[in-house]
Amino acid sequence: MRTGVMICGHGSRDPDAIREFSSLKAGLTTRLPDYDVDSGFLEFATPVIREGLDALAERGMERIIAIPGMLFAAGHVKNDVPSEINEFSRAHPNIDVRMGRDLAIDPKLLAACKERIEEALAANPSDVAREDTLLMVVGRGTNDADANSNVSKVARMLWEGMGFGWAEVCYSGVAHPRVAPGLERATKLGFKRVIVFPYFLFTGILIKRIRDETAKVRAANPEIDYIDAPYLADHPKVLDAFADRVAETLTGDNAMNCMLCKYREQIIGYEDEVGTPQVGHHHHVRGAGVDGHDHGHGHGHSHGHSHDHGHHHKHSHDDDA
């Protein structure tokens, strides 16, 4: 069966982010030689997801595996990407369309994190011991507490696994604490060195804001050694994790964690969102910010997913590829 893989990104106005996403796509094309790999974005960039799916259909794919190009399952993975996939699937009933899960917390990704942090330490040699070093993990930030809590778990596993003296978590937007207050708190904890690790796949406006905030705190606290660690990008183990997600959709092991999904269970503070319809919101901004792009796609909704996901909560449109 001719099978295509669709990598579904968020999109960004930052051309560097789009170039990095393209590099990841190229890496996956090499990593998955038996599949036709394409990609698209929810917003801010082209091609949009529907255009990538249509391209795979035009190339004669009998089966398409759609993989979210995102770390955790928040609104984009639970609603917006499935909405795009469902719309395409309804228009192409003869194609077997399957959606894989987010990258989530994965041993390969944790190994990639470790290597990125080790790169930063090697580039900034110091006599400061690990136990005198604080690890600051910066997450994207969403209004989904389940996704935000995953950043804390990643931080804890890296903290204990790498022997740091402490770990803190902050977020680039939506969730709290934000980067500036998070870094300010870190200065008061008595550590000689702080490693700032953005748990992101790609660069973009948010990464640059994180770097700017770190530079400000570094300048104001010269007695503390602040180190910028690189984000994940197209690390080989990231490519391996994506390949695993593709394989899972074919073996029946494609299990998204829905135990703490606010659209399925009554999570504190989100009780009124249980069971609301799965409706993506990106139809009005598909390709937004790209000159000459036609936003006239239709946007109906069907639901081939295992449970409905509502999307009527607040949403931040900060760029993120």
C-alpha atoms as a PDB file:
ATOM      1  CA  MET A   1       0.000   0.000   0.000  1.00  0.00           C
ATOM      2  CA  ARG A   2       1.411   3.384  -1.008  1.00  0.00           C
ATOM      3  CA  THR A   3       1.785   5.284   2.257  1.00  0.00           C
ATOM      4  CA  GLY A   4       2.476   8.936   2.895  1.00  0.00           C
ATOM      5  CA  VAL A   5       3.513  10.654   6.114  1.00  0.00           C
ATOM      6  CA  MET A   6       2.207  14.133   6.834  1.00  0.00           C
ATOM      7  CA  ILE A   7       4.113  16.181   9.420  1.00  0.00           C
ATOM      8  CA  CYS A   8       1.706  18.768  10.845  1.00  0.00           C
ATOM      9  CA  GLY A   9       3.458  21.844  12.203  1.00  0.00           C
ATOM     10  CA  HIS A  10       2.062  24.891  13.939  1.00  0.00           C
ATOM     11  CA  GLY A  11       3.788  27.486  11.751  1.00  0.00           C
ATOM     12  CA  SER A  12       5.724  30.659  12.468  1.00  0.00           C
ATOM     13  CA  ARG A  13       6.327  34.108  11.038  1.00  0.00           C
ATOM     14  CA  ASP A  14      10.023  33.576  11.686  1.00  0.00           C
ATOM     15  CA  PRO A  15      11.797  32.316   8.543  1.00  0.00           C
ATOM     16  CA  ASP A  16      14.467  30.630  10.674  1.00  0.00           C
ATOM     17  CA  ALA A  17      11.772  28.487  12.297  1.00  0.00           C
ATOM     18  CA  ILE A  18      10.406  27.459   8.910  1.00  0.00           C
ATOM     19  CA  ARG A  19      13.885  26.563   7.690  1.00  0.00           C
ATOM     20  CA  GLU A  20      14.407  24.383  10.755  1.00  0.00           C
ATOM     21  CA  PHE A  21      11.065  22.676  10.231  1.00  0.00           C
ATOM     22  CA  SER A  22      12.092  22.020   6.615  1.00  0.00           C
ATOM     23  CA  SER A  23      15.356  20.542   7.864  1.00  0.00           C
ATOM     24  CA  LEU A  24      13.417  18.186  10.116  1.00  0.00           C
ATOM     25  CA  LYS A  25      11.218  17.185   7.200  1.00  0.00           C
ATOM     26  CA  ALA A  26      14.329  16.457   5.120  1.00  0.00           C
ATOM     27  CA  GLY A  27      15.750  14.371   7.948  1.00  0.00           C
ATOM     28  CA  LEU A  28      12.538  12.375   8.221  1.00  0.00           C
ATOM     29  CA  THR A  29      12.457  11.846   4.460  1.00  0.00           C
ATOM     30  CA  THR A  30      15.859  10.180   4.778  1.00  0.00           C
ATOM     31  CA  ARG A  31      14.891   8.394   7.996  1.00  0.00           C
ATOM     32  CA  LEU A  32      11.675   6.978   6.435  1.00  0.00           C
ATOM     33  CA  PRO A  33      12.707   5.825   2.948  1.00  0.00           C
ATOM     34  CA  ASP A  34       9.632   3.612   2.504  1.00  0.00           C
ATOM     35  CA  TYR A  35       7.224   6.546   2.870  1.00  0.00           C
ATOM     36  CA  ASP A  36       6.384   9.675   0.909  1.00  0.00           C
ATOM     37  CA  VAL A  37       6.915  12.469   3.457  1.00  0.00           C
ATOM     38  CA  ASP A  38       5.213  15.856   3.195  1.00  0.00           C
ATOM     39  CA  SER A  39       4.384  18.644   5.636  1.00  0.00           C
ATOM     40  CA  GLY A  40       2.177  21.647   6.303  1.00  0.00           C
ATOM     41  CA  PHE A  41       1.275  24.226   8.928  1.00  0.00           C
ATOM     42  CA  LEU A  42      -1.790  25.284  10.871  1.00  0.00           C
ATOM     43  CA  GLU A  43      -1.056  28.987  10.476  1.00  0.00           C
ATOM     44  CA  PHE A  44       1.526  31.710   9.783  1.00  0.00           C
ATOM     45  CA  ALA A  45       3.225  29.770   6.964  1.00  0.00           C
ATOM     46  CA  THR A  46       2.626  27.753   3.814  1.00  0.00           C
ATOM     47  CA  PRO A  47       1.955  25.142   2.715  1.00  0.00           C
ATOM     48  CA  VAL A  48      -0.969  24.712   5.072  1.00  0.00           C
ATOM     49  CA  ILE A  49      -1.797  21.218   6.275  1.00  0.00           C
ATOM     50  CA  ARG A  50      -4.594  20.702   3.756  1.00  0.00           C
ATOM     51  CA  GLU A  51      -2.263  21.544   0.878  1.00  0.00           C
ATOM     52  CA  GLY A  52       0.249  18.952   2.058  1.00  0.00           C
ATOM     53  CA  LEU A  53      -2.472  16.342   2.406  1.00  0.00           C
ATOM     54  CA  ASP A  54      -3.823  17.166  -1.049  1.00  0.00           C
ATOM     55  CA  ALA A  55      -0.323  16.813  -2.497  1.00  0.00           C
ATOM     56  CA  LEU A  56      -0.003  13.332  -1.026  1.00  0.00           C
ATOM     57  CA  ALA A  57      -3.406  12.396  -2.433  1.00  0.00           C
ATOM     58  CA  GLU A  58      -2.410  13.684  -5.864  1.00  0.00           C
ATOM     59  CA  ARG A  59       0.708  11.510  -5.721  1.00  0.00           C
ATOM     60  CA  GLY A  60      -1.509   8.460  -5.313  1.00  0.00           C
ATOM     61  CA  MET A  61      -1.186   7.668  -1.626  1.00  0.00           C
ATOM     62  CA  GLU A  62      -3.584   4.956  -0.489  1.00  0.00           C
ATOM     63  CA  ARG A  63      -2.811   5.560   3.176  1.00  0.00           C
ATOM     64  CA  ILE A  64      -1.693   8.743   4.966  1.00  0.00           C
ATOM     65  CA  ILE A  65      -0.263   8.867   8.472  1.00  0.00           C
ATOM     66  CA  ALA A  66      -0.543  12.360   9.976  1.00  0.00           C
ATOM     67  CA  ILE A  67       1.889  13.091  12.798  1.00  0.00           C
ATOM     68  CA  PRO A  68       1.681  16.276  14.901  1.00  0.00           C
ATOM     69  CA  GLY A  69       5.015  18.079  14.727  1.00  0.00           C
ATOM     70  CA  MET A  70       4.554  19.140  18.340  1.00  0.00           C
ATOM     71  CA  LEU A  71       5.902  18.024  21.690  1.00  0.00           C
ATOM     72  CA  PHE A  72       2.734  17.752  23.776  1.00  0.00           C
ATOM     73  CA  ALA A  73      -0.988  17.288  23.291  1.00  0.00           C
ATOM     74  CA  ALA A  74      -2.708  20.577  24.042  1.00  0.00           C
ATOM     75  CA  GLY A  75      -5.325  22.372  21.931  1.00  0.00           C
ATOM     76  CA  HIS A  76      -3.456  22.029  18.633  1.00  0.00           C
ATOM     77  CA  VAL A  77      -3.027  18.261  18.896  1.00  0.00           C
ATOM     78  CA  LYS A  78      -6.378  17.584  20.548  1.00  0.00           C
ATOM     79  CA  ASN A  79      -8.483  19.801  18.299  1.00  0.00           C
ATOM     80  CA  ASP A  80      -6.927  21.777  15.481  1.00  0.00           C
ATOM     81  CA  VAL A  81      -4.868  19.108  13.743  1.00  0.00           C
ATOM     82  CA  PRO A  82      -7.623  16.441  14.070  1.00  0.00           C
ATOM     83  CA  SER A  83     -10.088  18.950  12.627  1.00  0.00           C
ATOM     84  CA  GLU A  84      -7.884  19.373   9.553  1.00  0.00           C
ATOM     85  CA  ILE A  85      -7.406  15.614   9.238  1.00  0.00           C
ATOM     86  CA  ASN A  86     -11.111  14.871   9.629  1.00  0.00           C
ATOM     87  CA  GLU A  87     -12.041  17.407   6.954  1.00  0.00           C
ATOM     88  CA  PHE A  88      -9.555  15.900   4.500  1.00  0.00           C
ATOM     89  CA  SER A  89     -10.589  12.341   5.362  1.00  0.00           C
ATOM     90  CA  ARG A  90     -14.245  13.087   4.679  1.00  0.00           C
ATOM     91  CA  ALA A  91     -13.316  14.476   1.260  1.00  0.00           C
ATOM     92  CA  HIS A  92     -11.174  11.400   0.436  1.00  0.00           C
ATOM     93  CA  PRO A  93     -13.098   8.334   1.702  1.00  0.00           C
ATOM     94  CA  ASN A  94     -10.930   5.972  -0.360  1.00  0.00           C
ATOM     95  CA  ILE A  95      -7.735   6.962   1.490  1.00  0.00           C
ATOM     96  CA  ASP A  96      -6.934   5.331   4.831  1.00  0.00           C
ATOM     97  CA  VAL A  97      -6.094   8.393   6.941  1.00  0.00           C
ATOM     98  CA  ARG A  98      -4.653   7.864  10.414  1.00  0.00           C
ATOM     99  CA  MET A  99      -3.467  10.378  12.975  1.00  0.00           C
ATOM    100  CA  GLY A 100      -0.539   9.620  15.229  1.00  0.00           C
ATOM    101  CA  ARG A 101       0.064  11.034  18.674  1.00  0.00           C
ATOM    102  CA  ASP A 102       2.282  13.830  19.895  1.00  0.00           C
ATOM    103  CA  LEU A 103       5.928  13.190  20.748  1.00  0.00           C
ATOM    104  CA  ALA A 104       5.069  13.344  24.484  1.00  0.00           C
ATOM    105  CA  ILE A 105       7.556  12.309  27.180  1.00  0.00           C
ATOM    106  CA  ASP A 106       9.800   9.853  25.467  1.00  0.00           C
ATOM    107  CA  PRO A 107      13.146   8.249  26.412  1.00  0.00           C
ATOM    108  CA  LYS A 108      14.626   9.284  23.070  1.00  0.00           C
ATOM    109  CA  LEU A 109      13.607  12.899  23.583  1.00  0.00           C
ATOM    110  CA  LEU A 110      15.000  12.880  27.118  1.00  0.00           C
ATOM    111  CA  ALA A 111      18.274  11.577  25.724  1.00  0.00           C
ATOM    112  CA  ALA A 112      18.239  14.371  23.138  1.00  0.00           C
ATOM    113  CA  CYS A 113      17.601  16.902  25.928  1.00  0.00           C
ATOM    114  CA  LYS A 114      20.541  15.548  27.877  1.00  0.00           C
ATOM    115  CA  GLU A 115      22.817  15.887  24.869  1.00  0.00           C
ATOM    116  CA  ARG A 116      21.684  19.461  24.172  1.00  0.00           C
ATOM    117  CA  ILE A 117      22.349  20.422  27.798  1.00  0.00           C
ATOM    118  CA  GLU A 118      25.727  18.662  27.724  1.00  0.00           C
ATOM    119  CA  GLU A 119      26.569  20.643  24.576  1.00  0.00           C
ATOM    120  CA  ALA A 120      25.945  23.867  26.466  1.00  0.00           C
ATOM    121  CA  LEU A 121      28.075  22.754  29.410  1.00  0.00           C
ATOM    122  CA  ALA A 122      30.923  21.735  27.097  1.00  0.00           C
ATOM    123  CA  ALA A 123      30.783  25.101  25.332  1.00  0.00           C
ATOM    124  CA  ASN A 124      30.895  26.936  28.683  1.00  0.00           C
ATOM    125  CA  PRO A 125      33.460  25.135  30.847  1.00  0.00           C
ATOM    126  CA  SER A 126      33.301  25.978  34.535  1.00  0.00           C
ATOM    127  CA  ASP A 127      34.501  24.782  37.917  1.00  0.00           C
ATOM    128  CA  VAL A 128      30.945  25.006  39.233  1.00  0.00           C
ATOM    129  CA  ALA A 129      29.725  21.564  40.275  1.00  0.00           C
ATOM    130  CA  ARG A 130      26.479  20.029  39.075  1.00  0.00           C
ATOM    131  CA  GLU A 131      25.027  20.233  42.558  1.00  0.00           C
ATOM    132  CA  ASP A 132      25.628  24.001  42.493  1.00  0.00           C
ATOM    133  CA  THR A 133      23.813  24.317  39.177  1.00  0.00           C
ATOM    134  CA  LEU A 134      20.116  25.005  38.633  1.00  0.00           C
ATOM    135  CA  LEU A 135      18.382  23.702  35.506  1.00  0.00           C
ATOM    136  CA  MET A 136      15.652  25.995  34.186  1.00  0.00           C
ATOM    137  CA  VAL A 137      13.382  24.206  31.697  1.00  0.00           C
ATOM    138  CA  VAL A 138      11.283  26.614  29.629  1.00  0.00           C
ATOM    139  CA  GLY A 139       8.089  25.227  28.118  1.00  0.00           C
ATOM    140  CA  ARG A 140       5.900  26.642  25.367  1.00  0.00           C
ATOM    141  CA  GLY A 141       2.975  27.210  27.722  1.00  0.00           C
ATOM    142  CA  THR A 142      -0.657  26.375  26.977  1.00  0.00           C
ATOM    143  CA  ASN A 143      -4.017  26.641  28.708  1.00  0.00           C
ATOM    144  CA  ASP A 144      -4.032  22.856  29.063  1.00  0.00           C
ATOM    145  CA  ALA A 145      -2.796  21.907  32.536  1.00  0.00           C
ATOM    146  CA  ASP A 146      -2.022  18.359  31.427  1.00  0.00           C
ATOM    147  CA  ALA A 147       0.398  19.578  28.752  1.00  0.00           C
ATOM    148  CA  ASN A 148       1.980  22.118  31.120  1.00  0.00           C
ATOM    149  CA  SER A 149       2.519  19.462  33.761  1.00  0.00           C
ATOM    150  CA  ASN A 150       4.524  17.405  31.273  1.00  0.00           C
ATOM    151  CA  VAL A 151       7.151  20.149  31.206  1.00  0.00           C
ATOM    152  CA  SER A 152       7.524  19.751  34.951  1.00  0.00           C
ATOM    153  CA  LYS A 153       7.992  16.008  34.544  1.00  0.00           C
ATOM    154  CA  VAL A 154      10.664  16.525  31.893  1.00  0.00           C
ATOM    155  CA  ALA A 155      12.448  18.971  34.210  1.00  0.00           C
ATOM    156  CA  ARG A 156      12.307  16.528  37.120  1.00  0.00           C
ATOM    157  CA  MET A 157      13.693  13.643  35.074  1.00  0.00           C
ATOM    158  CA  LEU A 158      16.554  15.754  33.716  1.00  0.00           C
ATOM    159  CA  TRP A 159      17.279  17.191  37.155  1.00  0.00           C
ATOM    160  CA  GLU A 160      17.581  13.810  38.825  1.00  0.00           C
ATOM    161  CA  GLY A 161      19.106  12.042  35.846  1.00  0.00           C
ATOM    162  CA  MET A 162      21.847  14.604  35.300  1.00  0.00           C
ATOM    163  CA  GLY A 163      22.601  15.386  38.933  1.00  0.00           C
ATOM    164  CA  PHE A 164      21.749  19.078  39.078  1.00  0.00           C
ATOM    165  CA  GLY A 165      21.202  20.750  42.412  1.00  0.00           C
ATOM    166  CA  TRP A 166      17.705  21.939  41.542  1.00  0.00           C
ATOM    167  CA  ALA A 167      15.299  22.429  38.638  1.00  0.00           C
ATOM    168  CA  GLU A 168      12.716  25.096  37.953  1.00  0.00           C
ATOM    169  CA  VAL A 169      10.096  25.424  35.216  1.00  0.00           C
ATOM    170  CA  CYS A 170       8.740  28.506  33.475  1.00  0.00           C
ATOM    171  CA  TYR A 171       6.792  29.159  30.274  1.00  0.00           C
ATOM    172  CA  SER A 172       7.177  31.460  27.303  1.00  0.00           C
ATOM    173  CA  GLY A 173       3.491  32.358  27.275  1.00  0.00           C
ATOM    174  CA  VAL A 174      -0.053  31.571  28.448  1.00  0.00           C
ATOM    175  CA  ALA A 175       0.990  29.591  31.552  1.00  0.00           C
ATOM    176  CA  HIS A 176       2.791  30.837  34.661  1.00  0.00           C
ATOM    177  CA  PRO A 177       5.408  31.507  35.794  1.00  0.00           C
ATOM    178  CA  ARG A 178       6.589  33.316  32.678  1.00  0.00           C
ATOM    179  CA  VAL A 179      10.261  33.481  31.760  1.00  0.00           C
ATOM    180  CA  ALA A 180      11.179  36.793  33.417  1.00  0.00           C
ATOM    181  CA  PRO A 181       9.724  36.036  36.879  1.00  0.00           C
ATOM    182  CA  GLY A 182      10.976  32.463  36.626  1.00  0.00           C
ATOM    183  CA  LEU A 183      14.534  33.625  36.044  1.00  0.00           C
ATOM    184  CA  GLU A 184      14.244  36.258  38.750  1.00  0.00           C
ATOM    185  CA  ARG A 185      13.218  33.538  41.197  1.00  0.00           C
ATOM    186  CA  ALA A 186      16.209  31.452  40.121  1.00  0.00           C
ATOM    187  CA  THR A 187      18.579  34.282  41.067  1.00  0.00           C
ATOM    188  CA  LYS A 188      17.325  34.135  44.668  1.00  0.00           C
ATOM    189  CA  LEU A 189      17.933  30.432  45.229  1.00  0.00           C
ATOM    190  CA  GLY A 190      21.672  30.689  45.772  1.00  0.00           C
ATOM    191  CA  PHE A 191      22.984  28.722  42.799  1.00  0.00           C
ATOM    192  CA  LYS A 192      26.223  29.727  41.083  1.00  0.00           C
ATOM    193  CA  ARG A 193      25.153  28.602  37.641  1.00  0.00           C
ATOM    194  CA  VAL A 194      21.793  28.459  35.837  1.00  0.00           C
ATOM    195  CA  ILE A 195      21.274  26.509  32.599  1.00  0.00           C
ATOM    196  CA  VAL A 196      18.311  27.787  30.595  1.00  0.00           C
ATOM    197  CA  PHE A 197      16.990  24.980  28.403  1.00  0.00           C
ATOM    198  CA  PRO A 198      14.044  25.727  26.089  1.00  0.00           C
ATOM    199  CA  TYR A 199      12.045  22.545  25.654  1.00  0.00           C
ATOM    200  CA  PHE A 200      11.153  23.473  22.078  1.00  0.00           C
ATOM    201  CA  LEU A 201      11.567  21.806  18.714  1.00  0.00           C
ATOM    202  CA  PHE A 202      12.329  24.940  16.710  1.00  0.00           C
ATOM    203  CA  THR A 203      13.434  28.531  16.975  1.00  0.00           C
ATOM    204  CA  GLY A 204      11.045  31.441  16.486  1.00  0.00           C
ATOM    205  CA  ILE A 205       9.846  34.569  18.232  1.00  0.00           C
ATOM    206  CA  LEU A 206       9.404  32.704  21.509  1.00  0.00           C
ATOM    207  CA  ILE A 207      12.955  31.323  21.592  1.00  0.00           C
ATOM    208  CA  LYS A 208      14.325  34.773  20.864  1.00  0.00           C
ATOM    209  CA  ARG A 209      12.268  36.230  23.701  1.00  0.00           C
ATOM    210  CA  ILE A 210      13.655  33.580  26.043  1.00  0.00           C
ATOM    211  CA  ARG A 211      17.209  34.506  25.012  1.00  0.00           C
ATOM    212  CA  ASP A 212      16.468  38.210  25.474  1.00  0.00           C
ATOM    213  CA  GLU A 213      15.020  37.688  28.954  1.00  0.00           C
ATOM    214  CA  THR A 214      18.001  35.547  29.924  1.00  0.00           C
ATOM    215  CA  ALA A 215      20.405  38.236  28.705  1.00  0.00           C
ATOM    216  CA  LYS A 216      18.675  40.836  30.874  1.00  0.00           C
ATOM    217  CA  VAL A 217      18.890  38.698  33.999  1.00  0.00           C
ATOM    218  CA  ARG A 218      22.504  37.784  33.205  1.00  0.00           C
ATOM    219  CA  ALA A 219      23.451  41.450  32.938  1.00  0.00           C
ATOM    220  CA  ALA A 220      21.740  42.275  36.220  1.00  0.00           C
ATOM    221  CA  ASN A 221      23.326  39.333  38.090  1.00  0.00           C
ATOM    222  CA  PRO A 222      26.947  39.003  36.910  1.00  0.00           C
ATOM    223  CA  GLU A 223      27.830  36.810  39.905  1.00  0.00           C
ATOM    224  CA  ILE A 224      25.668  34.001  38.453  1.00  0.00           C
ATOM    225  CA  ASP A 225      26.749  32.121  35.357  1.00  0.00           C
ATOM    226  CA  TYR A 226      23.721  31.939  33.032  1.00  0.00           C
ATOM    227  CA  ILE A 227      24.104  29.462  30.170  1.00  0.00           C
ATOM    228  CA  ASP A 228      21.841  29.210  27.121  1.00  0.00           C
ATOM    229  CA  ALA A 229      21.302  25.588  26.126  1.00  0.00           C
ATOM    230  CA  PRO A 230      20.182  24.788  22.565  1.00  0.00           C
ATOM    231  CA  TYR A 231      16.641  23.574  21.877  1.00  0.00           C
ATOM    232  CA  LEU A 232      15.975  20.172  20.341  1.00  0.00           C
ATOM    233  CA  ALA A 233      15.753  20.987  16.587  1.00  0.00           C
ATOM    234  CA  ASP A 234      16.396  18.005  14.296  1.00  0.00           C
ATOM    235  CA  HIS A 235      18.462  15.996  16.761  1.00  0.00           C
ATOM    236  CA  PRO A 236      18.795  12.391  15.490  1.00  0.00           C
ATOM    237  CA  LYS A 237      16.862  11.081  18.480  1.00  0.00           C
ATOM    238  CA  VAL A 238      14.037  13.513  17.708  1.00  0.00           C
ATOM    239  CA  LEU A 239      13.862  11.991  14.225  1.00  0.00           C
ATOM    240  CA  ASP A 240      13.816   8.544  15.818  1.00  0.00           C
ATOM    241  CA  ALA A 241      10.893   9.572  18.046  1.00  0.00           C
ATOM    242  CA  PHE A 242       8.946  10.812  15.013  1.00  0.00           C
ATOM    243  CA  ALA A 243       9.658   7.514  13.250  1.00  0.00           C
ATOM    244  CA  ASP A 244       8.319   5.661  16.283  1.00  0.00           C
ATOM    245  CA  ARG A 245       5.069   7.641  16.098  1.00  0.00           C
ATOM    246  CA  VAL A 246       4.656   6.606  12.468  1.00  0.00           C
ATOM    247  CA  ALA A 247       5.234   2.942  13.329  1.00  0.00           C
ATOM    248  CA  GLU A 248       2.732   3.093  16.201  1.00  0.00           C
ATOM    249  CA  THR A 249      -0.117   4.059  13.907  1.00  0.00           C
ATOM    250  CA  LEU A 250       0.424   0.854  11.935  1.00  0.00           C
ATOM    251  CA  THR A 251       0.806  -1.516  14.891  1.00  0.00           C
ATOM    252  CA  GLY A 252      -2.166  -0.384  16.936  1.00  0.00           C
ATOM    253  CA  ASP A 253      -0.063   1.058  19.762  1.00  0.00           C
ATOM    254  CA  ASN A 254      -0.975   4.667  18.968  1.00  0.00           C
ATOM    255  CA  ALA A 255      -2.262   5.565  22.448  1.00  0.00           C
ATOM    256  CA  MET A 256      -2.724   9.217  23.385  1.00  0.00           C
ATOM    257  CA  ASN A 257      -2.998   9.859  27.114  1.00  0.00           C
ATOM    258  CA  CYS A 258      -6.595  10.958  27.598  1.00  0.00           C
ATOM    259  CA  MET A 259      -6.833  10.297  31.336  1.00  0.00           C
ATOM    260  CA  LEU A 260      -6.244  13.969  32.134  1.00  0.00           C
ATOM    261  CA  CYS A 261      -7.785  15.459  28.996  1.00  0.00           C
ATOM    262  CA  LYS A 262     -10.046  18.357  29.958  1.00  0.00           C
ATOM    263  CA  TYR A 263     -12.356  17.554  27.029  1.00  0.00           C
ATOM    264  CA  ARG A 264     -12.938  14.019  28.317  1.00  0.00           C
ATOM    265  CA  GLU A 265     -12.671  14.231  32.113  1.00  0.00           C
ATOM    266  CA  GLN A 266     -13.784  16.848  34.623  1.00  0.00           C
ATOM    267  CA  ILE A 267     -10.468  18.547  35.316  1.00  0.00           C
ATOM    268  CA  ILE A 268     -10.418  21.224  38.012  1.00  0.00           C
ATOM    269  CA  GLY A 269     -11.222  24.606  36.517  1.00  0.00           C
ATOM    270  CA  TYR A 270     -12.337  23.219  33.143  1.00  0.00           C
ATOM    271  CA  GLU A 271     -15.447  21.276  34.111  1.00  0.00           C
ATOM    272  CA  ASP A 272     -17.619  22.976  31.476  1.00  0.00           C
ATOM    273  CA  GLU A 273     -15.411  21.816  28.586  1.00  0.00           C
ATOM    274  CA  VAL A 274     -16.156  18.102  28.879  1.00  0.00           C
ATOM    275  CA  GLY A 275     -17.764  16.678  25.746  1.00  0.00           C
ATOM    276  CA  THR A 276     -17.778  19.859  23.672  1.00  0.00           C
ATOM    277  CA  PRO A 277     -17.492  19.370  19.898  1.00  0.00           C
ATOM    278  CA  GLN A 278     -14.130  19.017  18.208  1.00  0.00           C
ATOM    279  CA  VAL A 279     -13.775  22.188  16.148  1.00  0.00           C
ATOM    280  CA  GLY A 280     -10.478  23.645  14.978  1.00  0.00           C
ATOM    281  CA  HIS A 281     -10.109  27.412  14.946  1.00  0.00           C
ATOM    282  CA  HIS A 282      -7.293  27.863  12.450  1.00  0.00           C
ATOM    283  CA  HIS A 283      -9.457  27.974   9.330  1.00  0.00           C
ATOM    284  CA  HIS A 284      -9.502  31.770   9.473  1.00  0.00           C
ATOM    285  CA  VAL A 285      -5.728  32.068   9.696  1.00  0.00           C
ATOM    286  CA  ARG A 286      -4.450  29.262   7.496  1.00  0.00           C
ATOM    287  CA  GLY A 287      -1.262  30.635   6.025  1.00  0.00           C
ATOM    288  CA  ALA A 288      -1.792  33.966   7.806  1.00  0.00           C
ATOM    289  CA  GLY A 289       1.108  36.337   7.320  1.00  0.00           C
ATOM    290  CA  VAL A 290       2.081  34.842   3.974  1.00  0.00           C
ATOM    291  CA  ASP A 291       1.520  37.230   1.072  1.00  0.00           C
ATOM    292  CA  GLY A 292      -0.803  36.061  -1.633  1.00  0.00           C
ATOM    293  CA  HIS A 293      -2.148  33.036   0.211  1.00  0.00           C
ATOM    294  CA  ASP A 294      -5.781  32.164  -0.401  1.00  0.00           C
ATOM    295  CA  HIS A 295      -7.710  31.689   2.843  1.00  0.00           C
ATOM    296  CA  GLY A 296     -10.834  30.479   1.088  1.00  0.00           C
ATOM    297  CA  HIS A 297     -10.699  26.862   2.180  1.00  0.00           C
ATOM    298  CA  GLY A 298     -13.971  25.358   3.302  1.00  0.00           C
ATOM    299  CA  HIS A 299     -14.017  24.086   6.852  1.00  0.00           C
ATOM    300  CA  GLY A 300     -16.568  21.483   7.748  1.00  0.00           C
ATOM    301  CA  HIS A 301     -16.112  19.006  10.566  1.00  0.00           C
ATOM    302  CA  SER A 302     -16.596  15.311  10.936  1.00  0.00           C
ATOM    303  CA  HIS A 303     -15.255  13.214  13.746  1.00  0.00           C
ATOM    304  CA  GLY A 304     -13.358   9.996  13.272  1.00  0.00           C
ATOM    305  CA  HIS A 305     -11.378  10.346  16.499  1.00  0.00           C
ATOM    306  CA  SER A 306     -12.057   8.288  19.609  1.00  0.00           C
ATOM    307  CA  HIS A 307     -13.613  11.165  21.554  1.00  0.00           C
ATOM    308  CA  ASP A 308     -14.699  14.722  20.988  1.00  0.00           C
ATOM    309  CA  HIS A 309     -12.488  17.660  21.907  1.00  0.00           C
ATOM    310  CA  GLY A 310     -13.900  21.151  22.290  1.00  0.00           C
ATOM    311  CA  HIS A 311     -11.932  24.272  21.471  1.00  0.00           C
ATOM    312  CA  HIS A 312     -13.677  27.352  22.751  1.00  0.00           C
ATOM    313  CA  HIS A 313     -11.096  28.370  25.315  1.00  0.00           C
ATOM    314  CA  LYS A 314      -8.605  31.222  25.076  1.00  0.00           C
ATOM    315  CA  HIS A 315      -5.724  30.770  22.686  1.00  0.00           C
ATOM    316  CA  SER A 316      -2.419  32.521  22.221  1.00  0.00           C
ATOM    317  CA  HIS A 317      -1.252  33.027  18.648  1.00  0.00           C
ATOM    318  CA  ASP A 318       2.420  33.373  19.499  1.00  0.00           C
ATOM    319  CA  ASP A 319       4.463  31.839  16.711  1.00  0.00           C
ATOM    320  CA  ASP A 320       5.644  28.284  17.052  1.00  0.00           C
ATOM    321  CA  ALA A 321       6.660  26.088  14.137  1.00  0.00           C
END
